[in-house]
Structures are given as structure tokens and as C-alpha cells.
């Protein structure tokens, strides 16, 4: 009985893999699969999920990084 169950599960998994591989070549199906996995969040959920302090720190770090990168690029342009 267990063998039958394992065979059914294996067939089911194999069918899912085969179906997925067939959709890889189909751009429309791939896009549909991608967007079907999106889940809309309400503003209340987003407010609850986002750590505002951490987000502000990350934004400050990214601003610092971009500023230093811009300076490096200017220096690079002056060298050549």
C-alpha cells in the first residue's frame, strides 16, 4: 500500500516538474506564473511589516554608498 502511495506521489511530482519545464519556454505562461505568485498587501499590512528604523538606516547607507561611488567615478574620469 505504501508503494502505491509513493508511486502516486512520484507521478504527481513528475507531472508538476514536466508541466513547469514546458512553461519555461512559453514567455506568456512564465509571466502569468510569476504574477500569480504576487500577493497584494494593504497599507495596514505594509505598515505592520516594515521596520521603519531599519528602512531609514538602509536608505542612509545606500545614499552614502551612492555618494562615495559618484566621487570615485568623478576621480576615475579625471585620471583618464
Protein backbone atom coordinates (compact mmCIF):
# COMPACT_ATOMS: atom_id res chain seq x y z
CA UNK A 1 0.00 0.00 0.00
CA UNK A 2 2.87 2.38 0.82
CA UNK A 3 4.48 1.60 -2.54
CA UNK A 4 1.29 2.62 -4.33
CA UNK A 5 1.18 5.89 -2.38
CA UNK A 6 4.84 6.63 -3.16
CA UNK A 7 4.28 5.86 -6.84
CA UNK A 8 1.29 8.20 -6.94
CA UNK A 9 3.29 10.95 -5.18
CA UNK A 10 6.22 10.45 -7.54
CA UNK A 11 3.95 10.63 -10.58
CA UNK A 12 2.33 13.73 -9.22
CA UNK A 13 5.71 15.40 -8.63
CA UNK A 14 6.96 14.32 -12.04
CA UNK A 15 3.87 15.73 -13.68
CA UNK A 16 4.36 19.05 -11.91
CA UNK A 17 8.02 19.20 -12.96
CA UNK A 18 7.14 18.34 -16.54
CA UNK A 19 4.41 20.97 -16.60
CA UNK A 20 6.80 23.56 -15.18
CA UNK A 21 9.53 22.73 -17.69
CA UNK A 22 7.07 23.06 -20.54
CA UNK A 23 6.06 26.52 -19.38
CA UNK A 24 9.67 27.72 -19.18
CA UNK A 25 9.79 28.14 -22.93
CA UNK A 26 6.46 29.92 -23.04
CA UNK A 27 7.04 33.58 -22.08
CA UNK A 28 3.35 34.33 -21.51
CA UNK A 29 2.90 31.32 -19.23
CA UNK A 30 6.06 32.20 -17.32
CA UNK A 31 4.88 35.78 -16.83
CA UNK A 32 1.45 34.57 -15.71
CA UNK A 33 3.06 32.15 -13.23
CA UNK A 34 5.25 34.98 -11.88
CA UNK A 35 2.42 37.44 -11.39
CA UNK A 36 0.07 34.82 -9.97
CA UNK A 37 2.50 34.42 -7.07
CA UNK A 38 2.24 38.08 -6.12
CA UNK A 39 0.14 38.88 -3.12
CA UNK A 40 -1.24 42.37 -2.68
CA UNK A 41 -0.67 43.94 0.71
CA UNK A 42 -2.93 46.50 2.29
CA UNK A 43 -1.37 49.69 3.67
CA UNK A 44 -2.04 48.41 7.19
CA UNK A 45 -0.14 45.18 6.50
CA UNK A 46 2.78 47.06 4.97
CA UNK A 47 2.93 49.39 7.95
CA UNK A 48 2.97 46.40 10.28
CA UNK A 49 5.61 44.52 8.26
CA UNK A 50 8.08 47.34 7.63
CA UNK A 51 10.63 48.17 10.29
CA UNK A 52 10.81 51.92 9.70
CA UNK A 53 14.02 52.44 11.70
CA UNK A 54 15.82 49.69 9.78
CA UNK A 55 14.50 51.01 6.47
CA UNK A 56 15.78 54.52 7.25
CA UNK A 57 19.21 53.12 8.17
CA UNK A 58 19.35 51.16 4.91
CA UNK A 59 18.34 54.23 2.91
CA UNK A 60 21.04 56.30 4.62
CA UNK A 61 23.64 53.61 3.88
CA UNK A 62 22.58 53.46 0.24
CA UNK A 63 22.79 57.27 -0.02
CA UNK A 64 26.31 57.19 1.46
CA UNK A 65 27.33 54.40 -0.91
CA UNK A 66 26.00 56.22 -3.97
CA UNK A 67 27.72 59.44 -2.92
CA UNK A 68 31.06 57.68 -2.49
CA UNK A 69 30.58 55.83 -5.76
CA UNK A 70 29.85 59.10 -7.57
CA UNK A 71 33.03 60.58 -6.09
CA UNK A 72 35.06 57.58 -7.20
CA UNK A 73 33.64 57.83 -10.71
CA UNK A 74 34.50 61.54 -10.90
CA UNK A 75 38.05 60.74 -9.74
CA UNK A 76 38.26 57.97 -12.32
CA UNK A 77 37.17 60.32 -15.11
CA UNK A 78 39.78 62.90 -14.07
CA UNK A 79 42.56 60.28 -14.18
CA UNK A 80 41.84 59.50 -17.83
